[in-house]
């Protein structure tokens, strides 16, 4: 699962769903899918970053029913008028799920 996630991240193209960037659909070059047929599951990895105002943001990664990276959801702790993600501060934290190493 880790190898597939990293491979997907390397080729993903982001499509913003909300103006503040809190919900991002990811298009992969070799995957054709309809948004209503994703069967989403959350990856056992979460991201931490800051918004442009310095506030904390949590990132959840979602995979489709085939285990391919599909979406990133951002949860802002404080949402001000300029709450947009500062992607340069993104770091990932692996939760303790052995299947991620498969």
N, C-alpha and C. Protein backbone atom coordinates (compact mmCIF):
# COMPACT_ATOMS: atom_id res chain seq x y z
N UNK A 1 0.83 -1.20 0.00
CA UNK A 1 0.00 0.00 0.00
C UNK A 1 0.87 1.26 0.00
N UNK A 2 1.98 1.24 0.72
CA UNK A 2 2.85 2.41 0.77
C UNK A 2 3.40 2.74 -0.61
N UNK A 3 3.87 1.73 -1.33
CA UNK A 3 4.44 1.97 -2.66
C UNK A 3 3.39 2.56 -3.60
N UNK A 4 2.17 2.05 -3.54
CA UNK A 4 1.10 2.57 -4.40
C UNK A 4 0.76 4.00 -4.04
N UNK A 5 0.69 4.31 -2.75
CA UNK A 5 0.39 5.68 -2.32
C UNK A 5 1.46 6.64 -2.83
N UNK A 6 2.72 6.30 -2.66
CA UNK A 6 3.80 7.17 -3.13
C UNK A 6 3.79 7.33 -4.64
N UNK A 7 3.52 6.24 -5.34
CA UNK A 7 3.43 6.31 -6.80
C UNK A 7 2.27 7.21 -7.23
N UNK A 8 1.13 7.07 -6.56
CA UNK A 8 -0.03 7.92 -6.89
C UNK A 8 0.25 9.38 -6.60
N UNK A 9 0.91 9.66 -5.48
CA UNK A 9 1.22 11.05 -5.13
C UNK A 9 2.15 11.68 -6.16
N UNK A 10 3.02 10.89 -6.75
CA UNK A 10 3.98 11.40 -7.73
C UNK A 10 3.31 11.84 -9.03
N UNK A 11 2.16 11.25 -9.38
CA UNK A 11 1.50 11.57 -10.66
C UNK A 11 0.16 12.28 -10.50
N UNK A 12 -0.27 12.52 -9.26
CA UNK A 12 -1.59 13.10 -9.02
C UNK A 12 -1.65 14.56 -9.47
N UNK A 13 -2.79 14.91 -10.03
CA UNK A 13 -3.09 16.29 -10.39
C UNK A 13 -4.28 16.73 -9.53
N UNK A 14 -4.14 17.85 -8.85
CA UNK A 14 -5.17 18.32 -7.92
C UNK A 14 -6.24 19.12 -8.65
N UNK A 15 -7.47 18.89 -8.23
CA UNK A 15 -8.63 19.64 -8.70
C UNK A 15 -9.36 20.14 -7.47
N UNK A 16 -9.31 21.44 -7.19
CA UNK A 16 -9.97 21.98 -6.00
C UNK A 16 -11.47 21.84 -6.12
N UNK A 17 -12.09 21.42 -5.03
CA UNK A 17 -13.54 21.29 -5.00
C UNK A 17 -14.16 22.48 -4.28
N UNK A 18 -13.49 22.98 -3.25
CA UNK A 18 -13.94 24.16 -2.53
C UNK A 18 -12.91 25.27 -2.69
N UNK A 19 -13.34 26.52 -2.71
CA UNK A 19 -12.44 27.64 -2.98
C UNK A 19 -11.28 27.73 -2.00
N UNK A 20 -11.51 27.38 -0.72
CA UNK A 20 -10.44 27.50 0.26
C UNK A 20 -9.47 26.32 0.21
N UNK A 21 -9.69 25.37 -0.69
CA UNK A 21 -8.79 24.25 -0.84
C UNK A 21 -8.97 23.16 0.19
N UNK A 22 -10.09 23.17 0.92
CA UNK A 22 -10.27 22.20 1.99
C UNK A 22 -10.71 20.82 1.49
N UNK A 23 -11.05 20.73 0.24
CA UNK A 23 -11.43 19.43 -0.33
C UNK A 23 -10.84 19.37 -1.72
N UNK A 24 -9.98 18.40 -1.95
CA UNK A 24 -9.24 18.31 -3.20
C UNK A 24 -9.46 16.94 -3.83
N UNK A 25 -10.00 16.92 -5.04
CA UNK A 25 -10.06 15.67 -5.81
C UNK A 25 -8.73 15.50 -6.50
N UNK A 26 -8.27 14.26 -6.60
CA UNK A 26 -7.00 13.99 -7.26
C UNK A 26 -7.24 13.14 -8.49
N UNK A 27 -6.72 13.59 -9.61
CA UNK A 27 -6.78 12.83 -10.85
C UNK A 27 -5.45 12.13 -11.05
N UNK A 28 -5.51 10.85 -11.39
CA UNK A 28 -4.32 10.08 -11.70
C UNK A 28 -4.32 9.77 -13.18
N UNK A 29 -3.16 9.87 -13.80
CA UNK A 29 -3.05 9.69 -15.24
C UNK A 29 -3.66 8.39 -15.75
N UNK A 30 -3.46 7.31 -15.01
CA UNK A 30 -3.87 6.00 -15.51
C UNK A 30 -5.18 5.49 -14.92
N UNK A 31 -5.93 6.35 -14.23
CA UNK A 31 -7.17 5.91 -13.58
C UNK A 31 -8.35 6.71 -14.10
N UNK A 32 -9.33 6.02 -14.61
CA UNK A 32 -10.58 6.65 -15.03
C UNK A 32 -11.65 6.26 -14.02
N UNK A 33 -12.27 7.24 -13.37
CA UNK A 33 -13.28 6.93 -12.37
C UNK A 33 -14.32 8.04 -12.31
N UNK A 34 -15.48 7.65 -11.87
CA UNK A 34 -16.55 8.62 -11.63
C UNK A 34 -16.61 8.87 -10.14
N UNK A 35 -16.82 10.12 -9.75
CA UNK A 35 -16.81 10.49 -8.34
C UNK A 35 -17.89 9.76 -7.54
N UNK A 36 -18.99 9.36 -8.18
CA UNK A 36 -20.06 8.70 -7.44
C UNK A 36 -19.82 7.20 -7.28
N UNK A 37 -18.70 6.69 -7.77
CA UNK A 37 -18.40 5.26 -7.66
C UNK A 37 -17.08 4.99 -6.95
N UNK A 38 -16.70 5.84 -6.03
CA UNK A 38 -15.39 5.71 -5.43
C UNK A 38 -15.31 4.69 -4.30
N UNK A 39 -16.35 4.54 -3.48
CA UNK A 39 -16.27 3.64 -2.34
C UNK A 39 -15.10 3.98 -1.44
N UNK A 40 -15.04 5.20 -0.97
CA UNK A 40 -13.85 5.73 -0.31
C UNK A 40 -13.56 5.10 1.04
N UNK A 41 -12.26 4.94 1.30
CA UNK A 41 -11.74 4.52 2.60
C UNK A 41 -10.60 5.46 2.95
N UNK A 42 -10.44 5.72 4.24
CA UNK A 42 -9.37 6.61 4.68
C UNK A 42 -8.06 5.84 4.80
N UNK A 43 -6.97 6.44 4.32
CA UNK A 43 -5.65 5.85 4.49
C UNK A 43 -5.26 5.89 5.96
N UNK A 44 -4.44 4.96 6.41
CA UNK A 44 -3.96 5.00 7.79
C UNK A 44 -2.76 5.95 7.93
N UNK A 45 -2.86 7.07 7.27
CA UNK A 45 -1.84 8.13 7.32
C UNK A 45 -2.59 9.44 7.43
N UNK A 46 -2.11 10.33 8.27
CA UNK A 46 -2.72 11.65 8.30
C UNK A 46 -1.63 12.68 8.08
N UNK A 47 -2.05 13.83 7.65
CA UNK A 47 -1.12 14.92 7.40
C UNK A 47 -1.37 16.06 8.37
N UNK A 48 -0.31 16.78 8.63
CA UNK A 48 -0.41 18.00 9.44
C UNK A 48 0.22 19.12 8.64
N UNK A 49 -0.42 20.26 8.70
CA UNK A 49 0.12 21.44 8.06
C UNK A 49 -0.45 22.67 8.72
N UNK A 50 -0.09 23.82 8.23
CA UNK A 50 -0.58 25.11 8.74
C UNK A 50 -1.34 25.81 7.63
N UNK A 51 -2.28 26.67 8.04
CA UNK A 51 -2.91 27.51 7.03
C UNK A 51 -2.07 28.77 6.87
N UNK A 52 -2.45 29.62 5.94
CA UNK A 52 -1.67 30.82 5.64
C UNK A 52 -1.61 31.79 6.81
N UNK A 53 -2.52 31.63 7.77
CA UNK A 53 -2.51 32.48 8.96
C UNK A 53 -1.78 31.82 10.12
N UNK A 54 -1.23 30.62 9.89
CA UNK A 54 -0.46 29.93 10.93
C UNK A 54 -1.27 28.94 11.77
N UNK A 55 -2.56 28.81 11.49
CA UNK A 55 -3.40 27.89 12.26
C UNK A 55 -3.18 26.45 11.86
N UNK A 56 -3.44 25.50 12.79
CA UNK A 56 -3.25 24.09 12.49
C UNK A 56 -4.32 23.52 11.57
N UNK A 57 -3.90 22.60 10.71
CA UNK A 57 -4.80 21.95 9.76
C UNK A 57 -4.46 20.47 9.75
N UNK A 58 -5.48 19.63 9.72
CA UNK A 58 -5.29 18.18 9.60
C UNK A 58 -5.67 17.76 8.18
N UNK A 59 -4.88 16.89 7.59
CA UNK A 59 -5.16 16.39 6.25
C UNK A 59 -5.49 14.91 6.32
N UNK A 60 -6.61 14.52 5.74
CA UNK A 60 -6.99 13.11 5.63
C UNK A 60 -6.86 12.69 4.18
N UNK A 61 -6.21 11.57 3.96
CA UNK A 61 -6.05 11.02 2.61
C UNK A 61 -7.08 9.93 2.41
N UNK A 62 -7.72 9.93 1.25
CA UNK A 62 -8.76 8.95 0.95
C UNK A 62 -8.40 8.17 -0.30
N UNK A 63 -8.69 6.87 -0.27
CA UNK A 63 -8.44 6.02 -1.43
C UNK A 63 -9.76 5.51 -1.99
N UNK A 64 -9.75 5.17 -3.27
CA UNK A 64 -10.94 4.59 -3.88
C UNK A 64 -11.03 3.11 -3.55
N UNK A 65 -12.02 2.44 -4.07
CA UNK A 65 -12.23 1.03 -3.72
C UNK A 65 -11.14 0.11 -4.26
N UNK A 66 -10.27 0.65 -5.11
CA UNK A 66 -9.17 -0.13 -5.66
C UNK A 66 -7.84 0.19 -4.97
N UNK A 67 -7.91 0.99 -3.90
CA UNK A 67 -6.69 1.34 -3.16
C UNK A 67 -5.85 2.42 -3.80
N UNK A 68 -6.46 3.22 -4.67
CA UNK A 68 -5.73 4.30 -5.35
C UNK A 68 -6.10 5.64 -4.71
N UNK A 69 -5.13 6.50 -4.58
CA UNK A 69 -5.32 7.81 -3.98
C UNK A 69 -6.41 8.57 -4.73
N UNK A 70 -7.35 9.14 -3.98
CA UNK A 70 -8.50 9.77 -4.61
C UNK A 70 -8.75 11.20 -4.16
N UNK A 71 -8.64 11.45 -2.86
CA UNK A 71 -9.00 12.77 -2.34
C UNK A 71 -8.13 13.13 -1.14
N UNK A 72 -8.04 14.42 -0.92
CA UNK A 72 -7.45 14.95 0.31
C UNK A 72 -8.49 15.88 0.92
N UNK A 73 -8.77 15.65 2.19
CA UNK A 73 -9.71 16.50 2.92
C UNK A 73 -8.92 17.24 3.98
N UNK A 74 -9.10 18.56 4.05
CA UNK A 74 -8.41 19.37 5.04
C UNK A 74 -9.41 19.86 6.08
N UNK A 75 -9.03 19.70 7.34
CA UNK A 75 -9.87 20.15 8.45
C UNK A 75 -9.14 21.27 9.16
N UNK A 76 -9.68 22.46 9.04
CA UNK A 76 -9.07 23.66 9.62
C UNK A 76 -9.53 23.80 11.07
N UNK A 77 -8.57 23.98 12.00
CA UNK A 77 -8.92 24.19 13.40
C UNK A 77 -9.61 25.55 13.59
N UNK A 78 -9.13 26.54 12.87
CA UNK A 78 -9.70 27.88 12.91
C UNK A 78 -9.91 28.31 11.48
N UNK A 79 -11.07 28.76 11.15
CA UNK A 79 -11.28 29.17 9.76
C UNK A 79 -11.57 30.66 9.70
N UNK A 80 -10.54 31.38 9.30
CA UNK A 80 -10.67 32.81 9.09
C UNK A 80 -10.92 33.08 7.62
N UNK A 81 -11.04 34.33 7.25
CA UNK A 81 -11.33 34.67 5.86
C UNK A 81 -10.23 34.26 4.88
N UNK A 82 -9.00 34.13 5.38
CA UNK A 82 -7.89 33.74 4.50
C UNK A 82 -7.38 32.34 4.80
N UNK A 83 -8.23 31.50 5.34
CA UNK A 83 -7.81 30.15 5.69
C UNK A 83 -7.64 29.31 4.44
N UNK A 84 -6.41 29.26 3.99
CA UNK A 84 -6.03 28.42 2.86
C UNK A 84 -4.80 27.64 3.28
N UNK A 85 -4.63 26.44 2.75
CA UNK A 85 -3.49 25.63 3.20
C UNK A 85 -2.15 26.20 2.75
N UNK A 86 -1.18 26.10 3.63
CA UNK A 86 0.20 26.41 3.28
C UNK A 86 0.87 25.06 3.02
N UNK A 87 0.84 24.62 1.76
CA UNK A 87 1.30 23.28 1.39
C UNK A 87 2.77 23.07 1.72
N UNK A 88 3.54 24.14 1.86
CA UNK A 88 4.97 23.98 2.17
C UNK A 88 5.19 23.45 3.58
N UNK A 89 4.16 23.45 4.42
CA UNK A 89 4.29 22.97 5.80
C UNK A 89 3.77 21.55 5.99
N UNK A 90 3.34 20.91 4.91
CA UNK A 90 2.73 19.58 5.01
C UNK A 90 3.73 18.51 5.43
N UNK A 91 3.34 17.71 6.41
CA UNK A 91 4.09 16.52 6.80
C UNK A 91 3.10 15.40 7.08
N UNK A 92 3.52 14.17 6.80
CA UNK A 92 2.65 13.02 6.99
C UNK A 92 3.07 12.24 8.23
N UNK A 93 2.07 11.69 8.90
CA UNK A 93 2.29 10.89 10.09
C UNK A 93 1.61 9.55 9.87
N UNK A 94 2.39 8.48 9.94
CA UNK A 94 1.83 7.14 9.75
C UNK A 94 1.24 6.66 11.06
N UNK A 95 0.01 6.18 10.99
CA UNK A 95 -0.56 5.53 12.14
C UNK A 95 -0.06 4.09 12.14
N UNK A 96 -0.28 3.39 13.20
CA UNK A 96 0.30 2.06 13.35
C UNK A 96 -0.58 0.99 12.70
N UNK A 97 -0.51 0.92 11.38
CA UNK A 97 -1.24 -0.07 10.61
C UNK A 97 -0.24 -0.85 9.77
N UNK A 98 0.00 -2.13 10.08
CA UNK A 98 1.01 -2.89 9.35
C UNK A 98 0.71 -3.04 7.86
N UNK A 99 -0.55 -2.99 7.46
CA UNK A 99 -0.87 -3.18 6.04
C UNK A 99 -0.34 -2.03 5.19
N UNK A 100 0.03 -0.90 5.79
CA UNK A 100 0.58 0.20 5.01
C UNK A 100 1.94 -0.17 4.42
N UNK A 101 2.64 -1.04 5.08
CA UNK A 101 3.97 -1.45 4.61
C UNK A 101 3.92 -2.50 3.52
N UNK A 102 2.73 -3.01 3.25
CA UNK A 102 2.60 -4.10 2.24
C UNK A 102 2.90 -3.59 0.86
